[in-house]
């Protein structure tokens, strides 16, 4: 296998399948928020025939992980329009995704509501509200947060993990040409 350094340019499947294990982890390390261990696990499923196969390997790695690790993965996600986002302390992937959904340009009322929703999520579930913002509008993100507050903790955990798989899939598609 060849060793190449991480590049913002998308790689072909041939190049991805040829990456050394650490290079694979480095390249895909940002797919799941501050959780490069899933890239290490996904690398073991090579060779991949498609970007969807890579996404499935990431999903399988998360599914196979311990419950406590899954909760850590959910908690690694920043609050939408939260203090970390405002301070520029989130991953470049999250910053770009939140900006694309208009969450960086909230009105004062929208910002206040998001802060209330974020707080309610943390109080009820001990988790941030996680949604694949690239597949939603600002309005549907707000509506989803409001409606998911009625979930049970188990339902919300499953919803968050599903959304994380959607986020990961889109990030993988960005990295594969």
C-alpha atoms as a PDB file:
ATOM      1  CA  UNK A   1       0.000   0.000   0.000  1.00  0.00           C
ATOM      2  CA  UNK A   2       1.106   3.526  -0.669  1.00  0.00           C
ATOM      3  CA  UNK A   3       1.410   6.291   1.927  1.00  0.00           C
ATOM      4  CA  UNK A   4      -0.098   9.648   0.976  1.00  0.00           C
ATOM      5  CA  UNK A   5      -0.829  12.686   3.064  1.00  0.00           C
ATOM      6  CA  UNK A   6      -4.273  14.099   3.757  1.00  0.00           C
ATOM      7  CA  UNK A   7      -5.426  16.442   1.049  1.00  0.00           C
ATOM      8  CA  UNK A   8      -8.636  18.410   0.699  1.00  0.00           C
ATOM      9  CA  UNK A   9      -8.910  17.027  -2.830  1.00  0.00           C
ATOM     10  CA  UNK A  10     -11.160  13.997  -3.187  1.00  0.00           C
ATOM     11  CA  UNK A  11      -9.427  10.683  -3.803  1.00  0.00           C
ATOM     12  CA  UNK A  12     -10.445   7.879  -6.131  1.00  0.00           C
ATOM     13  CA  UNK A  13     -11.461   4.486  -4.767  1.00  0.00           C
ATOM     14  CA  UNK A  14      -8.203   3.045  -6.085  1.00  0.00           C
ATOM     15  CA  UNK A  15      -6.254   5.647  -4.100  1.00  0.00           C
ATOM     16  CA  UNK A  16      -8.402   5.112  -0.994  1.00  0.00           C
ATOM     17  CA  UNK A  17      -8.020   1.346  -1.123  1.00  0.00           C
ATOM     18  CA  UNK A  18      -4.234   1.789  -1.440  1.00  0.00           C
ATOM     19  CA  UNK A  19      -3.828   4.062   1.602  1.00  0.00           C
ATOM     20  CA  UNK A  20      -1.742   2.826   4.485  1.00  0.00           C
ATOM     21  CA  UNK A  21      -3.933   2.331   7.580  1.00  0.00           C
ATOM     22  CA  UNK A  22      -2.751   5.521   9.313  1.00  0.00           C
ATOM     23  CA  UNK A  23      -3.154   7.540   6.108  1.00  0.00           C
ATOM     24  CA  UNK A  24      -6.723   6.212   5.797  1.00  0.00           C
ATOM     25  CA  UNK A  25      -7.429   7.273   9.386  1.00  0.00           C
ATOM     26  CA  UNK A  26      -5.883  10.681   8.764  1.00  0.00           C
ATOM     27  CA  UNK A  27      -7.874  11.188   5.559  1.00  0.00           C
ATOM     28  CA  UNK A  28     -11.244  10.067   6.951  1.00  0.00           C
ATOM     29  CA  UNK A  29     -10.647  11.111  10.569  1.00  0.00           C
ATOM     30  CA  UNK A  30     -13.062  14.053  10.324  1.00  0.00           C
ATOM     31  CA  UNK A  31     -15.985  12.014   9.048  1.00  0.00           C
ATOM     32  CA  UNK A  32     -17.302  11.363  12.553  1.00  0.00           C
ATOM     33  CA  UNK A  33     -16.928  14.311  14.903  1.00  0.00           C
ATOM     34  CA  UNK A  34     -13.600  14.111  16.773  1.00  0.00           C
ATOM     35  CA  UNK A  35     -13.783  10.301  16.549  1.00  0.00           C
ATOM     36  CA  UNK A  36     -11.034   9.048  14.221  1.00  0.00           C
ATOM     37  CA  UNK A  37     -11.195   5.571  15.782  1.00  0.00           C
ATOM     38  CA  UNK A  38     -14.125   4.845  13.476  1.00  0.00           C
ATOM     39  CA  UNK A  39     -11.973   5.592  10.437  1.00  0.00           C
ATOM     40  CA  UNK A  40      -9.413   3.114  11.794  1.00  0.00           C
ATOM     41  CA  UNK A  41     -12.144   0.487  12.167  1.00  0.00           C
ATOM     42  CA  UNK A  42     -13.668   1.225   8.745  1.00  0.00           C
ATOM     43  CA  UNK A  43     -10.277   0.838   7.055  1.00  0.00           C
ATOM     44  CA  UNK A  44     -10.324  -2.855   7.946  1.00  0.00           C
ATOM     45  CA  UNK A  45     -13.302  -3.394   5.608  1.00  0.00           C
ATOM     46  CA  UNK A  46     -11.262  -2.590   2.486  1.00  0.00           C
ATOM     47  CA  UNK A  47     -11.225  -2.915  -0.423  1.00  0.00           C
ATOM     48  CA  UNK A  48     -14.241  -0.715  -1.090  1.00  0.00           C
ATOM     49  CA  UNK A  49     -16.196  -0.844  -4.339  1.00  0.00           C
ATOM     50  CA  UNK A  50     -18.023   2.448  -3.826  1.00  0.00           C
ATOM     51  CA  UNK A  51     -18.351   5.477  -1.576  1.00  0.00           C
ATOM     52  CA  UNK A  52     -21.540   3.877  -0.224  1.00  0.00           C
ATOM     53  CA  UNK A  53     -19.441   0.878   0.868  1.00  0.00           C
ATOM     54  CA  UNK A  54     -17.202   3.230   2.833  1.00  0.00           C
ATOM     55  CA  UNK A  55     -20.237   4.845   4.471  1.00  0.00           C
ATOM     56  CA  UNK A  56     -21.544   1.389   5.372  1.00  0.00           C
ATOM     57  CA  UNK A  57     -18.180   0.489   6.953  1.00  0.00           C
ATOM     58  CA  UNK A  58     -18.372   3.595   9.149  1.00  0.00           C
ATOM     59  CA  UNK A  59     -21.964   2.790  10.111  1.00  0.00           C
ATOM     60  CA  UNK A  60     -21.021  -0.791  10.959  1.00  0.00           C
ATOM     61  CA  UNK A  61     -18.119   0.421  13.107  1.00  0.00           C
ATOM     62  CA  UNK A  62     -20.436   2.682  15.113  1.00  0.00           C
ATOM     63  CA  UNK A  63     -23.113  -0.014  15.428  1.00  0.00           C
ATOM     64  CA  UNK A  64     -20.555  -2.548  16.657  1.00  0.00           C
ATOM     65  CA  UNK A  65     -19.160  -0.175  19.277  1.00  0.00           C
ATOM     66  CA  UNK A  66     -20.140  -0.202  22.941  1.00  0.00           C
ATOM     67  CA  UNK A  67     -23.111   1.831  24.104  1.00  0.00           C
ATOM     68  CA  UNK A  68     -20.879   4.174  26.116  1.00  0.00           C
ATOM     69  CA  UNK A  69     -18.721   4.853  23.047  1.00  0.00           C
ATOM     70  CA  UNK A  70     -21.817   5.603  20.975  1.00  0.00           C
ATOM     71  CA  UNK A  71     -22.938   8.112  23.606  1.00  0.00           C
ATOM     72  CA  UNK A  72     -19.479   9.692  23.496  1.00  0.00           C
ATOM     73  CA  UNK A  73     -19.792   9.987  19.722  1.00  0.00           C
ATOM     74  CA  UNK A  74     -23.161  11.730  20.037  1.00  0.00           C
ATOM     75  CA  UNK A  75     -21.778  14.047  22.725  1.00  0.00           C
ATOM     76  CA  UNK A  76     -18.797  14.908  20.497  1.00  0.00           C
ATOM     77  CA  UNK A  77     -21.196  16.830  18.244  1.00  0.00           C
ATOM     78  CA  UNK A  78     -21.491  20.535  18.950  1.00  0.00           C
ATOM     79  CA  UNK A  79     -24.741  22.246  19.793  1.00  0.00           C
ATOM     80  CA  UNK A  80     -26.255  23.759  16.684  1.00  0.00           C
ATOM     81  CA  UNK A  81     -25.723  27.522  16.760  1.00  0.00           C
ATOM     82  CA  UNK A  82     -24.152  27.030  20.178  1.00  0.00           C
ATOM     83  CA  UNK A  83     -21.375  28.804  22.031  1.00  0.00           C
ATOM     84  CA  UNK A  84     -18.635  26.627  20.505  1.00  0.00           C
ATOM     85  CA  UNK A  85     -19.884  27.438  16.998  1.00  0.00           C
ATOM     86  CA  UNK A  86     -19.958  31.154  17.767  1.00  0.00           C
ATOM     87  CA  UNK A  87     -16.433  30.989  19.177  1.00  0.00           C
ATOM     88  CA  UNK A  88     -15.127  29.059  16.152  1.00  0.00           C
ATOM     89  CA  UNK A  89     -14.322  26.034  18.320  1.00  0.00           C
ATOM     90  CA  UNK A  90     -15.984  23.351  16.202  1.00  0.00           C
ATOM     91  CA  UNK A  91     -14.532  21.193  13.452  1.00  0.00           C
ATOM     92  CA  UNK A  92     -14.260  22.744   9.990  1.00  0.00           C
ATOM     93  CA  UNK A  93     -16.787  20.173   8.749  1.00  0.00           C
ATOM     94  CA  UNK A  94     -19.388  21.200  11.346  1.00  0.00           C
ATOM     95  CA  UNK A  95     -18.753  24.892  10.831  1.00  0.00           C
ATOM     96  CA  UNK A  96     -19.293  24.590   7.083  1.00  0.00           C
ATOM     97  CA  UNK A  97     -22.415  22.465   7.497  1.00  0.00           C
ATOM     98  CA  UNK A  98     -24.001  24.798  10.065  1.00  0.00           C
ATOM     99  CA  UNK A  99     -23.246  27.813   7.876  1.00  0.00           C
ATOM    100  CA  UNK A 100     -24.769  26.108   4.818  1.00  0.00           C
ATOM    101  CA  UNK A 101     -28.067  25.725   6.698  1.00  0.00           C
ATOM    102  CA  UNK A 102     -28.120  29.378   7.695  1.00  0.00           C
ATOM    103  CA  UNK A 103     -27.429  28.677  11.355  1.00  0.00           C
ATOM    104  CA  UNK A 104     -24.698  31.293  11.415  1.00  0.00           C
ATOM    105  CA  UNK A 105     -27.209  34.002  10.467  1.00  0.00           C
ATOM    106  CA  UNK A 106     -29.994  33.542  12.997  1.00  0.00           C
ATOM    107  CA  UNK A 107     -32.157  36.436  14.121  1.00  0.00           C
ATOM    108  CA  UNK A 108     -32.010  37.310  17.817  1.00  0.00           C
ATOM    109  CA  UNK A 109     -35.297  35.442  18.395  1.00  0.00           C
ATOM    110  CA  UNK A 110     -34.115  32.371  16.467  1.00  0.00           C
ATOM    111  CA  UNK A 111     -30.828  32.360  18.356  1.00  0.00           C
ATOM    112  CA  UNK A 112     -32.657  32.592  21.701  1.00  0.00           C
ATOM    113  CA  UNK A 113     -34.955  29.720  20.722  1.00  0.00           C
ATOM    114  CA  UNK A 114     -32.002  27.573  19.668  1.00  0.00           C
ATOM    115  CA  UNK A 115     -30.317  28.219  22.999  1.00  0.00           C
ATOM    116  CA  UNK A 116     -33.528  27.113  24.761  1.00  0.00           C
ATOM    117  CA  UNK A 117     -33.794  23.999  22.584  1.00  0.00           C
ATOM    118  CA  UNK A 118     -30.135  23.116  23.175  1.00  0.00           C
ATOM    119  CA  UNK A 119     -30.613  23.501  26.932  1.00  0.00           C
ATOM    120  CA  UNK A 120     -33.788  21.398  26.879  1.00  0.00           C
ATOM    121  CA  UNK A 121     -31.943  18.639  25.004  1.00  0.00           C
ATOM    122  CA  UNK A 122     -29.112  18.604  27.497  1.00  0.00           C
ATOM    123  CA  UNK A 123     -31.536  18.574  30.431  1.00  0.00           C
ATOM    124  CA  UNK A 124     -33.763  15.811  29.058  1.00  0.00           C
ATOM    125  CA  UNK A 125     -31.260  13.583  27.247  1.00  0.00           C
ATOM    126  CA  UNK A 126     -27.789  14.631  28.378  1.00  0.00           C
ATOM    127  CA  UNK A 127     -27.031  14.992  24.652  1.00  0.00           C
ATOM    128  CA  UNK A 128     -26.862  17.679  22.002  1.00  0.00           C
ATOM    129  CA  UNK A 129     -29.552  17.803  19.344  1.00  0.00           C
ATOM    130  CA  UNK A 130     -27.902  16.133  16.337  1.00  0.00           C
ATOM    131  CA  UNK A 131     -29.312  16.479  12.838  1.00  0.00           C
ATOM    132  CA  UNK A 132     -27.839  16.252   9.364  1.00  0.00           C
ATOM    133  CA  UNK A 133     -28.169  19.952   8.592  1.00  0.00           C
ATOM    134  CA  UNK A 134     -27.159  19.477   4.948  1.00  0.00           C
ATOM    135  CA  UNK A 135     -30.380  17.521   4.408  1.00  0.00           C
ATOM    136  CA  UNK A 136     -32.565  20.116   6.131  1.00  0.00           C
ATOM    137  CA  UNK A 137     -33.606  23.734   6.032  1.00  0.00           C
ATOM    138  CA  UNK A 138     -33.372  26.103   8.961  1.00  0.00           C
ATOM    139  CA  UNK A 139     -37.133  25.685   9.462  1.00  0.00           C
ATOM    140  CA  UNK A 140     -37.017  21.884   9.424  1.00  0.00           C
ATOM    141  CA  UNK A 141     -34.060  21.885  11.826  1.00  0.00           C
ATOM    142  CA  UNK A 142     -36.084  23.946  14.311  1.00  0.00           C
ATOM    143  CA  UNK A 143     -39.179  21.774  13.815  1.00  0.00           C
ATOM    144  CA  UNK A 144     -37.157  18.589  14.249  1.00  0.00           C
ATOM    145  CA  UNK A 145     -35.660  19.839  17.499  1.00  0.00           C
ATOM    146  CA  UNK A 146     -39.079  20.752  18.850  1.00  0.00           C
ATOM    147  CA  UNK A 147     -40.681  17.438  17.885  1.00  0.00           C
ATOM    148  CA  UNK A 148     -37.775  15.219  18.950  1.00  0.00           C
ATOM    149  CA  UNK A 149     -37.955  16.635  22.467  1.00  0.00           C
ATOM    150  CA  UNK A 150     -40.979  14.334  22.893  1.00  0.00           C
ATOM    151  CA  UNK A 151     -38.796  11.263  22.213  1.00  0.00           C
ATOM    152  CA  UNK A 152     -37.830   8.835  24.924  1.00  0.00           C
ATOM    153  CA  UNK A 153     -34.090   8.740  25.700  1.00  0.00           C
ATOM    154  CA  UNK A 154     -33.754   5.499  23.696  1.00  0.00           C
ATOM    155  CA  UNK A 155     -35.640   6.964  20.742  1.00  0.00           C
ATOM    156  CA  UNK A 156     -33.502  10.085  20.814  1.00  0.00           C
ATOM    157  CA  UNK A 157     -30.278   8.119  20.985  1.00  0.00           C
ATOM    158  CA  UNK A 158     -31.371   6.068  17.946  1.00  0.00           C
ATOM    159  CA  UNK A 159     -32.406   9.267  16.118  1.00  0.00           C
ATOM    160  CA  UNK A 160     -29.050  10.916  16.863  1.00  0.00           C
ATOM    161  CA  UNK A 161     -27.100   7.874  15.650  1.00  0.00           C
ATOM    162  CA  UNK A 162     -29.191   7.772  12.464  1.00  0.00           C
ATOM    163  CA  UNK A 163     -28.485  11.467  11.839  1.00  0.00           C
ATOM    164  CA  UNK A 164     -24.776  10.896  12.493  1.00  0.00           C
ATOM    165  CA  UNK A 165     -24.769   8.167   9.835  1.00  0.00           C
ATOM    166  CA  UNK A 166     -26.346  10.665   7.378  1.00  0.00           C
ATOM    167  CA  UNK A 167     -23.711  13.291   8.257  1.00  0.00           C
ATOM    168  CA  UNK A 168     -20.915  10.741   7.813  1.00  0.00           C
ATOM    169  CA  UNK A 169     -22.267   9.564   4.460  1.00  0.00           C
ATOM    170  CA  UNK A 170     -22.270  13.092   3.027  1.00  0.00           C
ATOM    171  CA  UNK A 171     -18.800  13.798   4.363  1.00  0.00           C
ATOM    172  CA  UNK A 172     -17.554  10.564   2.782  1.00  0.00           C
ATOM    173  CA  UNK A 173     -19.145  11.454  -0.551  1.00  0.00           C
ATOM    174  CA  UNK A 174     -17.209  14.750  -0.386  1.00  0.00           C
ATOM    175  CA  UNK A 175     -13.929  12.825   0.026  1.00  0.00           C
ATOM    176  CA  UNK A 176     -14.383  10.269  -2.770  1.00  0.00           C
ATOM    177  CA  UNK A 177     -14.276  11.024  -6.473  1.00  0.00           C
END
